[in-house]
Amino acid sequence: MAEVASGAVSVSEVFERNGQDRVGRTRVVQVLRAVPGYGPARVAALMAICGVEEKQRVGALNEQQRERLLRALIS
Protein backbone atom coordinates (compact mmCIF):
# COMPACT_ATOMS: atom_id res chain seq x y z
CA MET A 1 0.00 0.00 0.00
CA ALA A 2 3.07 2.18 -0.11
CA GLU A 3 2.23 2.78 -3.78
CA VAL A 4 -1.11 4.30 -2.78
CA ALA A 5 0.50 6.45 -0.10
CA SER A 6 3.09 7.78 -2.55
CA GLY A 7 0.48 8.49 -5.22
CA ALA A 8 2.02 6.06 -7.70
CA VAL A 9 -1.19 4.01 -7.75
CA SER A 10 -4.75 5.22 -7.20
CA VAL A 11 -7.38 3.42 -5.13
CA SER A 12 -9.37 2.72 -8.30
CA GLU A 13 -6.32 0.99 -9.81
CA VAL A 14 -6.00 -1.16 -6.69
CA PHE A 15 -9.69 -2.10 -6.93
CA GLU A 16 -9.20 -3.03 -10.60
CA ARG A 17 -6.41 -5.44 -9.60
CA ASN A 18 -8.70 -7.34 -7.22
CA GLY A 19 -8.20 -10.54 -9.22
CA GLN A 20 -4.56 -10.72 -8.18
CA ASP A 21 -4.05 -12.88 -5.08
CA ARG A 22 -2.13 -10.34 -3.05
CA VAL A 23 -4.48 -7.46 -3.80
CA GLY A 24 -7.64 -9.53 -3.44
CA ARG A 25 -6.59 -10.65 0.05
CA THR A 26 -5.77 -7.12 1.21
CA ARG A 27 -8.27 -5.56 3.59
CA VAL A 28 -10.09 -2.51 2.26
CA VAL A 29 -9.22 -0.62 5.44
CA GLN A 30 -5.50 -1.02 4.67
CA VAL A 31 -5.93 0.45 1.21
CA LEU A 32 -7.97 3.40 2.45
CA ARG A 33 -5.63 4.17 5.36
CA ALA A 34 -2.79 4.46 2.85
CA VAL A 35 -4.56 7.39 1.19
CA PRO A 36 -2.98 10.65 2.39
CA GLY A 37 -5.30 12.46 4.80
CA TYR A 38 -7.32 9.36 5.72
CA GLY A 39 -6.76 8.19 9.28
CA PRO A 40 -8.58 5.50 11.26
CA ALA A 41 -11.64 7.61 12.15
CA ARG A 42 -12.18 8.98 8.65
CA VAL A 43 -11.72 5.53 7.08
CA ALA A 44 -14.16 3.93 9.56
CA ALA A 45 -16.79 6.58 8.79
CA LEU A 46 -16.28 6.22 5.04
CA MET A 47 -16.62 2.45 5.18
CA ALA A 48 -19.75 2.65 7.34
CA ILE A 49 -21.40 5.11 4.95
CA CYS A 50 -20.51 2.91 1.96
CA GLY A 51 -21.71 -0.31 3.58
CA VAL A 52 -18.32 -2.00 3.75
CA GLU A 53 -17.49 -4.23 6.72
CA GLU A 54 -14.34 -3.47 8.70
CA LYS A 55 -12.70 -6.80 7.85
CA GLN A 56 -13.79 -6.95 4.23
CA ARG A 57 -11.14 -7.67 1.64
CA VAL A 58 -10.71 -5.95 -1.72
CA GLY A 59 -11.53 -9.16 -3.59
CA ALA A 60 -14.88 -9.44 -1.79
CA LEU A 61 -16.14 -5.95 -2.70
CA ASN A 62 -19.12 -5.91 -5.02
CA GLU A 63 -19.45 -3.35 -7.81
CA GLN A 64 -21.78 -1.06 -5.84
CA GLN A 65 -19.42 -0.95 -2.87
CA ARG A 66 -16.47 -0.10 -5.13
CA GLU A 67 -18.42 2.68 -6.82
CA ARG A 68 -19.60 4.16 -3.50
CA LEU A 69 -16.08 4.13 -2.06
CA LEU A 70 -14.55 5.74 -5.13
CA ARG A 71 -17.28 8.41 -5.30
CA ALA A 72 -16.81 9.19 -1.61
CA LEU A 73 -13.05 9.52 -2.06
CA ILE A 74 -13.49 11.98 -4.90
CA SER A 75 -15.88 14.27 -3.02
PDB file of N, CA and C in Angstrom:
ATOM      1  N   MET A   1       0.798  -1.179   0.000  1.00  0.00           N
ATOM      2  CA  MET A   1       0.000   0.000   0.000  1.00  0.00           C
ATOM      3  C   MET A   1       0.856   1.263   0.000  1.00  0.00           C
ATOM      4  N   ALA A   2       2.151   1.052  -0.008  1.00  0.00           N
ATOM      5  CA  ALA A   2       3.067   2.179  -0.112  1.00  0.00           C
ATOM      6  C   ALA A   2       2.871   2.903  -1.436  1.00  0.00           C
ATOM      7  N   GLU A   3       2.473   2.160  -2.478  1.00  0.00           N
ATOM      8  CA  GLU A   3       2.230   2.775  -3.782  1.00  0.00           C
ATOM      9  C   GLU A   3       1.062   3.745  -3.728  1.00  0.00           C
ATOM     10  N   VAL A   4       0.040   3.407  -2.944  1.00  0.00           N
ATOM     11  CA  VAL A   4      -1.110   4.300  -2.783  1.00  0.00           C
ATOM     12  C   VAL A   4      -0.689   5.534  -1.997  1.00  0.00           C
ATOM     13  N   ALA A   5       0.053   5.336  -0.935  1.00  0.00           N
ATOM     14  CA  ALA A   5       0.498   6.454  -0.096  1.00  0.00           C
ATOM     15  C   ALA A   5       1.378   7.426  -0.875  1.00  0.00           C
ATOM     16  N   SER A   6       2.196   6.912  -1.779  1.00  0.00           N
ATOM     17  CA  SER A   6       3.092   7.778  -2.552  1.00  0.00           C
ATOM     18  C   SER A   6       2.397   8.433  -3.732  1.00  0.00           C
ATOM     19  N   GLY A   7       1.203   7.944  -4.078  1.00  0.00           N
ATOM     20  CA  GLY A   7       0.477   8.493  -5.215  1.00  0.00           C
ATOM     21  C   GLY A   7       0.804   7.809  -6.530  1.00  0.00           C
ATOM     22  N   ALA A   8       1.647   6.784  -6.485  1.00  0.00           N
ATOM     23  CA  ALA A   8       2.017   6.064  -7.701  1.00  0.00           C
ATOM     24  C   ALA A   8       0.851   5.251  -8.257  1.00  0.00           C
ATOM     25  N   VAL A   9      -0.039   4.815  -7.366  1.00  0.00           N
ATOM     26  CA  VAL A   9      -1.192   4.006  -7.749  1.00  0.00           C
ATOM     27  C   VAL A   9      -2.417   4.593  -7.058  1.00  0.00           C
ATOM     28  N   SER A  10      -3.522   4.701  -7.795  1.00  0.00           N
ATOM     29  CA  SER A  10      -4.752   5.217  -7.201  1.00  0.00           C
ATOM     30  C   SER A  10      -5.552   4.065  -6.582  1.00  0.00           C
ATOM     31  N   VAL A  11      -6.515   4.420  -5.755  1.00  0.00           N
ATOM     32  CA  VAL A  11      -7.383   3.415  -5.132  1.00  0.00           C
ATOM     33  C   VAL A  11      -8.170   2.679  -6.213  1.00  0.00           C
ATOM     34  N   SER A  12      -8.616   3.386  -7.224  1.00  0.00           N
ATOM     35  CA  SER A  12      -9.368   2.721  -8.295  1.00  0.00           C
ATOM     36  C   SER A  12      -8.509   1.685  -9.012  1.00  0.00           C
ATOM     37  N   GLU A  13      -7.219   1.972  -9.184  1.00  0.00           N
ATOM     38  CA  GLU A  13      -6.318   0.993  -9.809  1.00  0.00           C
ATOM     39  C   GLU A  13      -6.153  -0.235  -8.915  1.00  0.00           C
ATOM     40  N   VAL A  14      -6.098  -0.027  -7.618  1.00  0.00           N
ATOM     41  CA  VAL A  14      -6.003  -1.155  -6.685  1.00  0.00           C
ATOM     42  C   VAL A  14      -7.263  -2.007  -6.797  1.00  0.00           C
ATOM     43  N   PHE A  15      -8.428  -1.363  -6.828  1.00  0.00           N
ATOM     44  CA  PHE A  15      -9.687  -2.098  -6.934  1.00  0.00           C
ATOM     45  C   PHE A  15      -9.774  -2.871  -8.246  1.00  0.00           C
ATOM     46  N   GLU A  16      -9.197  -2.335  -9.315  1.00  0.00           N
ATOM     47  CA  GLU A  16      -9.201  -3.029 -10.605  1.00  0.00           C
ATOM     48  C   GLU A  16      -8.317  -4.273 -10.579  1.00  0.00           C
ATOM     49  N   ARG A  17      -7.330  -4.289  -9.713  1.00  0.00           N
ATOM     50  CA  ARG A  17      -6.410  -5.436  -9.605  1.00  0.00           C
ATOM     51  C   ARG A  17      -6.922  -6.497  -8.640  1.00  0.00           C
ATOM     52  N   ASN A  18      -8.184  -6.444  -8.255  1.00  0.00           N
ATOM     53  CA  ASN A  18      -8.699  -7.339  -7.221  1.00  0.00           C
ATOM     54  C   ASN A  18      -8.580  -8.820  -7.570  1.00  0.00           C
ATOM     55  N   GLY A  19      -8.361  -9.154  -8.823  1.00  0.00           N
ATOM     56  CA  GLY A  19      -8.197 -10.541  -9.219  1.00  0.00           C
ATOM     57  C   GLY A  19      -6.838 -11.118  -8.842  1.00  0.00           C
ATOM     58  N   GLN A  20      -5.883 -10.252  -8.579  1.00  0.00           N
ATOM     59  CA  GLN A  20      -4.559 -10.718  -8.180  1.00  0.00           C
ATOM     60  C   GLN A  20      -4.619 -11.179  -6.729  1.00  0.00           C
ATOM     61  N   ASP A  21      -3.979 -12.296  -6.426  1.00  0.00           N
ATOM     62  CA  ASP A  21      -4.051 -12.880  -5.081  1.00  0.00           C
ATOM     63  C   ASP A  21      -3.712 -11.892  -3.983  1.00  0.00           C
ATOM     64  N   ARG A  22      -2.588 -11.237  -4.112  1.00  0.00           N
ATOM     65  CA  ARG A  22      -2.132 -10.338  -3.048  1.00  0.00           C
ATOM     66  C   ARG A  22      -3.103  -9.181  -2.833  1.00  0.00           C
ATOM     67  N   VAL A  23      -3.559  -8.589  -3.900  1.00  0.00           N
ATOM     68  CA  VAL A  23      -4.484  -7.459  -3.797  1.00  0.00           C
ATOM     69  C   VAL A  23      -5.844  -7.927  -3.308  1.00  0.00           C
ATOM     70  N   GLY A  24      -6.329  -9.015  -3.826  1.00  0.00           N
ATOM     71  CA  GLY A  24      -7.638  -9.531  -3.436  1.00  0.00           C
ATOM     72  C   GLY A  24      -7.727  -9.890  -1.969  1.00  0.00           C
ATOM     73  N   ARG A  25      -6.609 -10.280  -1.373  1.00  0.00           N
ATOM     74  CA  ARG A  25      -6.593 -10.649   0.049  1.00  0.00           C
ATOM     75  C   ARG A  25      -6.350  -9.458   0.970  1.00  0.00           C
ATOM     76  N   THR A  26      -6.043  -8.317   0.416  1.00  0.00           N
ATOM     77  CA  THR A  26      -5.769  -7.124   1.210  1.00  0.00           C
ATOM     78  C   THR A  26      -7.074  -6.555   1.749  1.00  0.00           C
ATOM     79  N   ARG A  27      -7.070  -6.149   2.992  1.00  0.00           N
ATOM     80  CA  ARG A  27      -8.272  -5.558   3.585  1.00  0.00           C
ATOM     81  C   ARG A  27      -8.474  -4.152   3.022  1.00  0.00           C
ATOM     82  N   VAL A  28      -9.737  -3.820   2.794  1.00  0.00           N
ATOM     83  CA  VAL A  28     -10.093  -2.508   2.257  1.00  0.00           C
ATOM     84  C   VAL A  28      -9.577  -1.406   3.172  1.00  0.00           C
ATOM     85  N   VAL A  29      -9.669  -1.626   4.476  1.00  0.00           N
ATOM     86  CA  VAL A  29      -9.224  -0.618   5.439  1.00  0.00           C
ATOM     87  C   VAL A  29      -7.747  -0.292   5.252  1.00  0.00           C
ATOM     88  N   GLN A  30      -6.927  -1.268   4.897  1.00  0.00           N
ATOM     89  CA  GLN A  30      -5.500  -1.023   4.675  1.00  0.00           C
ATOM     90  C   GLN A  30      -5.283  -0.124   3.457  1.00  0.00           C
ATOM     91  N   VAL A  31      -6.052  -0.361   2.420  1.00  0.00           N
ATOM     92  CA  VAL A  31      -5.932   0.448   1.206  1.00  0.00           C
ATOM     93  C   VAL A  31      -6.337   1.891   1.505  1.00  0.00           C
ATOM     94  N   LEU A  32      -7.467   2.060   2.187  1.00  0.00           N
ATOM     95  CA  LEU A  32      -7.969   3.402   2.450  1.00  0.00           C
ATOM     96  C   LEU A  32      -7.085   4.174   3.428  1.00  0.00           C
ATOM     97  N   ARG A  33      -6.515   3.485   4.411  1.00  0.00           N
ATOM     98  CA  ARG A  33      -5.629   4.167   5.357  1.00  0.00           C
ATOM     99  C   ARG A  33      -4.332   4.621   4.702  1.00  0.00           C
ATOM    100  N   ALA A  34      -3.998   4.051   3.567  1.00  0.00           N
ATOM    101  CA  ALA A  34      -2.788   4.463   2.852  1.00  0.00           C
ATOM    102  C   ALA A  34      -2.997   5.766   2.088  1.00  0.00           C
ATOM    103  N   VAL A  35      -4.264   6.152   1.896  1.00  0.00           N
ATOM    104  CA  VAL A  35      -4.559   7.391   1.186  1.00  0.00           C
ATOM    105  C   VAL A  35      -4.174   8.569   2.081  1.00  0.00           C
ATOM    106  N   PRO A  36      -3.364   9.488   1.577  1.00  0.00           N
ATOM    107  CA  PRO A  36      -2.981  10.647   2.388  1.00  0.00           C
ATOM    108  C   PRO A  36      -4.205  11.409   2.897  1.00  0.00           C
ATOM    109  N   GLY A  37      -4.204  11.716   4.192  1.00  0.00           N
ATOM    110  CA  GLY A  37      -5.301  12.455   4.800  1.00  0.00           C
ATOM    111  C   GLY A  37      -6.404  11.589   5.376  1.00  0.00           C
ATOM    112  N   TYR A  38      -6.301  10.272   5.216  1.00  0.00           N
ATOM    113  CA  TYR A  38      -7.320   9.362   5.725  1.00  0.00           C
ATOM    114  C   TYR A  38      -6.759   8.550   6.885  1.00  0.00           C
ATOM    115  N   GLY A  39      -7.171   8.910   8.086  1.00  0.00           N
ATOM    116  CA  GLY A  39      -6.764   8.194   9.283  1.00  0.00           C
ATOM    117  C   GLY A  39      -7.831   7.189   9.677  1.00  0.00           C
ATOM    118  N   PRO A  40      -7.649   6.539  10.821  1.00  0.00           N
ATOM    119  CA  PRO A  40      -8.582   5.499  11.256  1.00  0.00           C
ATOM    120  C   PRO A  40     -10.035   5.963  11.384  1.00  0.00           C
ATOM    121  N   ALA A  41     -10.261   7.138  11.950  1.00  0.00           N
ATOM    122  CA  ALA A  41     -11.639   7.614  12.147  1.00  0.00           C
ATOM    123  C   ALA A  41     -12.314   7.935  10.815  1.00  0.00           C
ATOM    124  N   ARG A  42     -11.610   8.605   9.951  1.00  0.00           N
ATOM    125  CA  ARG A  42     -12.177   8.978   8.655  1.00  0.00           C
ATOM    126  C   ARG A  42     -12.444   7.745   7.799  1.00  0.00           C
ATOM    127  N   VAL A  43     -11.540   6.775   7.843  1.00  0.00           N
ATOM    128  CA  VAL A  43     -11.720   5.532   7.083  1.00  0.00           C
ATOM    129  C   VAL A  43     -12.909   4.743   7.627  1.00  0.00           C
ATOM    130  N   ALA A  44     -13.043   4.658   8.953  1.00  0.00           N
ATOM    131  CA  ALA A  44     -14.165   3.931   9.564  1.00  0.00           C
ATOM    132  C   ALA A  44     -15.492   4.564   9.165  1.00  0.00           C
ATOM    133  N   ALA A  45     -15.560   5.894   9.181  1.00  0.00           N
ATOM    134  CA  ALA A  45     -16.789   6.584   8.792  1.00  0.00           C
ATOM    135  C   ALA A  45     -17.108   6.349   7.317  1.00  0.00           C
ATOM    136  N   LEU A  46     -16.102   6.440   6.470  1.00  0.00           N
ATOM    137  CA  LEU A  46     -16.282   6.224   5.036  1.00  0.00           C
ATOM    138  C   LEU A  46     -16.798   4.817   4.752  1.00  0.00           C
ATOM    139  N   MET A  47     -16.203   3.838   5.405  1.00  0.00           N
ATOM    140  CA  MET A  47     -16.616   2.452   5.182  1.00  0.00           C
ATOM    141  C   MET A  47     -18.032   2.215   5.681  1.00  0.00           C
ATOM    142  N   ALA A  48     -18.397   2.812   6.802  1.00  0.00           N
ATOM    143  CA  ALA A  48     -19.751   2.647   7.338  1.00  0.00           C
ATOM    144  C   ALA A  48     -20.779   3.256   6.384  1.00  0.00           C
ATOM    145  N   ILE A  49     -20.486   4.433   5.872  1.00  0.00           N
ATOM    146  CA  ILE A  49     -21.398   5.106   4.948  1.00  0.00           C
ATOM    147  C   ILE A  49     -21.562   4.299   3.659  1.00  0.00           C
ATOM    148  N   CYS A  50     -20.499   3.666   3.223  1.00  0.00           N
ATOM    149  CA  CYS A  50     -20.508   2.915   1.962  1.00  0.00           C
ATOM    150  C   CYS A  50     -20.962   1.464   2.128  1.00  0.00           C
ATOM    151  N   GLY A  51     -21.232   1.048   3.347  1.00  0.00           N
ATOM    152  CA  GLY A  51     -21.714  -0.312   3.580  1.00  0.00           C
ATOM    153  C   GLY A  51     -20.653  -1.382   3.443  1.00  0.00           C
ATOM    154  N   VAL A  52     -19.434  -1.059   3.839  1.00  0.00           N
ATOM    155  CA  VAL A  52     -18.322  -2.005   3.752  1.00  0.00           C
ATOM    156  C   VAL A  52     -17.936  -2.416   5.170  1.00  0.00           C
ATOM    157  N   GLU A  53     -17.867  -3.711   5.402  1.00  0.00           N
ATOM    158  CA  GLU A  53     -17.494  -4.234   6.719  1.00  0.00           C
ATOM    159  C   GLU A  53     -16.028  -3.944   7.013  1.00  0.00           C
ATOM    160  N   GLU A  54     -15.702  -3.812   8.283  1.00  0.00           N
ATOM    161  CA  GLU A  54     -14.341  -3.470   8.703  1.00  0.00           C
ATOM    162  C   GLU A  54     -13.302  -4.484   8.227  1.00  0.00           C
ATOM    163  N   LYS A  55     -13.666  -5.754   8.216  1.00  0.00           N
ATOM    164  CA  LYS A  55     -12.696  -6.796   7.854  1.00  0.00           C
ATOM    165  C   LYS A  55     -12.817  -7.263   6.403  1.00  0.00           C
ATOM    166  N   GLN A  56     -13.582  -6.543   5.614  1.00  0.00           N
ATOM    167  CA  GLN A  56     -13.792  -6.952   4.229  1.00  0.00           C
ATOM    168  C   GLN A  56     -12.520  -6.777   3.403  1.00  0.00           C
ATOM    169  N   ARG A  57     -12.320  -7.699   2.499  1.00  0.00           N
ATOM    170  CA  ARG A  57     -11.143  -7.671   1.637  1.00  0.00           C
ATOM    171  C   ARG A  57     -11.496  -7.097   0.271  1.00  0.00           C
ATOM    172  N   VAL A  58     -10.506  -6.582  -0.410  1.00  0.00           N
ATOM    173  CA  VAL A  58     -10.707  -5.954  -1.718  1.00  0.00           C
ATOM    174  C   VAL A  58     -11.377  -6.930  -2.685  1.00  0.00           C
ATOM    175  N   GLY A  59     -10.960  -8.168  -2.685  1.00  0.00           N
ATOM    176  CA  GLY A  59     -11.528  -9.161  -3.590  1.00  0.00           C
ATOM    177  C   GLY A  59     -12.983  -9.480  -3.323  1.00  0.00           C
ATOM    178  N   ALA A  60     -13.487  -9.148  -2.146  1.00  0.00           N
ATOM    179  CA  ALA A  60     -14.875  -9.439  -1.786  1.00  0.00           C
ATOM    180  C   ALA A  60     -15.812  -8.254  -2.005  1.00  0.00           C
ATOM    181  N   LEU A  61     -15.283  -7.120  -2.444  1.00  0.00           N
ATOM    182  CA  LEU A  61     -16.138  -5.955  -2.704  1.00  0.00           C
ATOM    183  C   LEU A  61     -17.012  -6.215  -3.920  1.00  0.00           C
ATOM    184  N   ASN A  62     -18.279  -5.824  -3.830  1.00  0.00           N
ATOM    185  CA  ASN A  62     -19.118  -5.907  -5.021  1.00  0.00           C
ATOM    186  C   ASN A  62     -19.023  -4.578  -5.775  1.00  0.00           C
ATOM    187  N   GLU A  63     -19.578  -4.535  -6.949  1.00  0.00           N
ATOM    188  CA  GLU A  63     -19.452  -3.355  -7.812  1.00  0.00           C
ATOM    189  C   GLU A  63     -20.027  -2.099  -7.156  1.00  0.00           C
ATOM    190  N   GLN A  64     -21.159  -2.223  -6.480  1.00  0.00           N
ATOM    191  CA  GLN A  64     -21.778  -1.064  -5.838  1.00  0.00           C
ATOM    192  C   GLN A  64     -20.896  -0.513  -4.723  1.00  0.00           C
ATOM    193  N   GLN A  65     -20.292  -1.396  -3.943  1.00  0.00           N
ATOM    194  CA  GLN A  65     -19.415  -0.946  -2.870  1.00  0.00           C
ATOM    195  C   GLN A  65     -18.199  -0.218  -3.436  1.00  0.00           C
ATOM    196  N   ARG A  66     -17.615  -0.753  -4.494  1.00  0.00           N
ATOM    197  CA  ARG A  66     -16.470  -0.099  -5.129  1.00  0.00           C
ATOM    198  C   ARG A  66     -16.842   1.299  -5.618  1.00  0.00           C
ATOM    199  N   GLU A  67     -17.980   1.395  -6.295  1.00  0.00           N
ATOM    200  CA  GLU A  67     -18.424   2.681  -6.823  1.00  0.00           C
ATOM    201  C   GLU A  67     -18.668   3.681  -5.701  1.00  0.00           C
ATOM    202  N   ARG A  68     -19.336   3.253  -4.615  1.00  0.00           N
ATOM    203  CA  ARG A  68     -19.602   4.158  -3.500  1.00  0.00           C
ATOM    204  C   ARG A  68     -18.315   4.638  -2.859  1.00  0.00           C
ATOM    205  N   LEU A  69     -17.355   3.740  -2.661  1.00  0.00           N
ATOM    206  CA  LEU A  69     -16.080   4.128  -2.060  1.00  0.00           C
ATOM    207  C   LEU A  69     -15.334   5.121  -2.949  1.00  0.00           C
ATOM    208  N   LEU A  70     -15.276   4.849  -4.225  1.00  0.00           N
ATOM    209  CA  LEU A  70     -14.551   5.743  -5.130  1.00  0.00           C
ATOM    210  C   LEU A  70     -15.221   7.108  -5.225  1.00  0.00           C
ATOM    211  N   ARG A  71     -16.559   7.127  -5.277  1.00  0.00           N
ATOM    212  CA  ARG A  71     -17.283   8.405  -5.303  1.00  0.00           C
ATOM    213  C   ARG A  71     -17.033   9.201  -4.035  1.00  0.00           C
ATOM    214  N   ALA A  72     -17.024   8.518  -2.887  1.00  0.00           N
ATOM    215  CA  ALA A  72     -16.810   9.191  -1.607  1.00  0.00           C
ATOM    216  C   ALA A  72     -15.386   9.737  -1.510  1.00  0.00           C
ATOM    217  N   LEU A  73     -14.425   9.040  -2.082  1.00  0.00           N
ATOM    218  CA  LEU A  73     -13.049   9.517  -2.058  1.00  0.00           C
ATOM    219  C   LEU A  73     -12.866  10.756  -2.918  1.00  0.00           C
ATOM    220  N   ILE A  74     -13.612  10.848  -3.989  1.00  0.00           N
ATOM    221  CA  ILE A  74     -13.494  11.984  -4.900  1.00  0.00           C
ATOM    222  C   ILE A  74     -14.089  13.250  -4.266  1.00  0.00           C
ATOM    223  N   SER A  75     -15.196  13.088  -3.558  1.00  0.00           N
ATOM    224  CA  SER A  75     -15.876  14.274  -3.019  1.00  0.00           C
ATOM    225  C   SER A  75     -15.274  14.764  -1.726  1.00  0.00           C
TER     226      SER A  75
END
